[in-house]
Amino acid sequence: MIAKCPVCGNMANLIVIDTRELPREFGIRRRRECMLCKGRFTTYELMGKRRTNENGTSGTAPGISEQ
């Protein structure tokens, strides 16, 4: 995942200042800070929900993209 500062558009000088798991192993929330403009923002890294089809194969639940 590539994060981009929503304040100044910087993509190179970002640091993670806090990481927390979301409930039910749904993903990860990261609090980031831009080292250029000192703006802070949150990113979410969501895990694709897995399901089993009627024929026994697995896939991603509708509406959820795998990352």
Protein backbone atom coordinates (compact mmCIF):
# COMPACT_ATOMS: atom_id res chain seq x y z
CA MET A 1 0.00 0.00 0.00
CA ILE A 2 1.27 3.46 -0.87
CA ALA A 3 0.10 6.24 1.43
CA LYS A 4 -0.17 9.86 0.33
CA CYS A 5 -0.46 12.87 2.59
CA PRO A 6 -3.91 14.42 2.02
CA VAL A 7 -2.56 17.86 3.03
CA CYS A 8 0.50 18.29 0.79
CA GLY A 9 0.51 15.19 -1.45
CA ASN A 10 3.88 13.91 -0.18
CA MET A 11 4.39 10.15 -0.58
CA ALA A 12 8.03 9.76 0.49
CA ASN A 13 8.46 11.12 4.01
CA LEU A 14 5.65 9.53 6.01
CA ILE A 15 6.03 7.80 9.35
CA VAL A 16 3.64 5.51 11.22
CA ILE A 17 2.99 6.84 14.72
CA ASP A 18 0.35 4.30 15.85
CA THR A 19 -0.90 0.91 14.63
CA ARG A 20 -4.02 -0.88 15.89
CA GLU A 21 -5.89 -3.95 14.76
CA LEU A 22 -9.52 -3.48 13.82
CA PRO A 23 -12.17 -5.66 15.52
CA ARG A 24 -12.74 -9.23 14.30
CA GLU A 25 -9.42 -9.34 12.40
CA PHE A 26 -10.95 -7.10 9.72
CA GLY A 27 -7.76 -5.13 9.12
CA ILE A 28 -5.29 -2.63 10.52
CA ARG A 29 -5.63 1.08 11.28
CA ARG A 30 -2.46 3.15 11.02
CA ARG A 31 -2.00 6.73 12.21
CA ARG A 32 0.59 8.47 10.01
CA GLU A 33 2.43 11.79 10.06
CA CYS A 34 3.91 13.65 7.11
CA MET A 35 7.44 14.81 7.88
CA LEU A 36 7.18 17.73 5.42
CA CYS A 37 3.96 19.49 6.49
CA LYS A 38 3.46 17.73 9.88
CA GLY A 39 -0.08 16.77 8.82
CA ARG A 40 -1.55 13.67 10.48
CA PHE A 41 -4.00 11.24 8.94
CA THR A 42 -5.34 7.70 9.30
CA THR A 43 -5.09 4.85 6.79
CA TYR A 44 -6.97 1.55 6.90
CA GLU A 45 -5.57 -1.68 5.51
CA LEU A 46 -8.57 -3.97 5.14
CA MET A 47 -8.30 -7.71 4.78
CA GLY A 48 -10.49 -9.42 2.18
CA LYS A 49 -13.25 -11.47 3.79
CA ARG A 50 -12.98 -15.05 2.60
CA ARG A 51 -16.03 -17.16 1.84
CA THR A 52 -16.58 -20.67 0.60
CA ASN A 53 -18.73 -21.14 -2.50
CA GLU A 54 -21.37 -23.85 -2.78
CA ASN A 55 -18.99 -25.91 -4.95
CA GLY A 56 -16.27 -25.85 -2.25
CA THR A 57 -13.99 -23.28 -3.85
CA SER A 58 -13.06 -20.13 -1.95
CA GLY A 59 -13.20 -16.53 -3.07
CA THR A 60 -13.53 -12.98 -1.86
CA ALA A 61 -16.86 -11.82 -0.52
CA PRO A 62 -18.74 -9.51 -2.91
CA GLY A 63 -17.87 -5.84 -2.45
CA ILE A 64 -14.55 -6.53 -0.67
CA SER A 65 -11.34 -6.10 -2.64
CA GLU A 66 -8.24 -8.07 -1.73
CA GLN A 67 -5.08 -6.07 -1.09
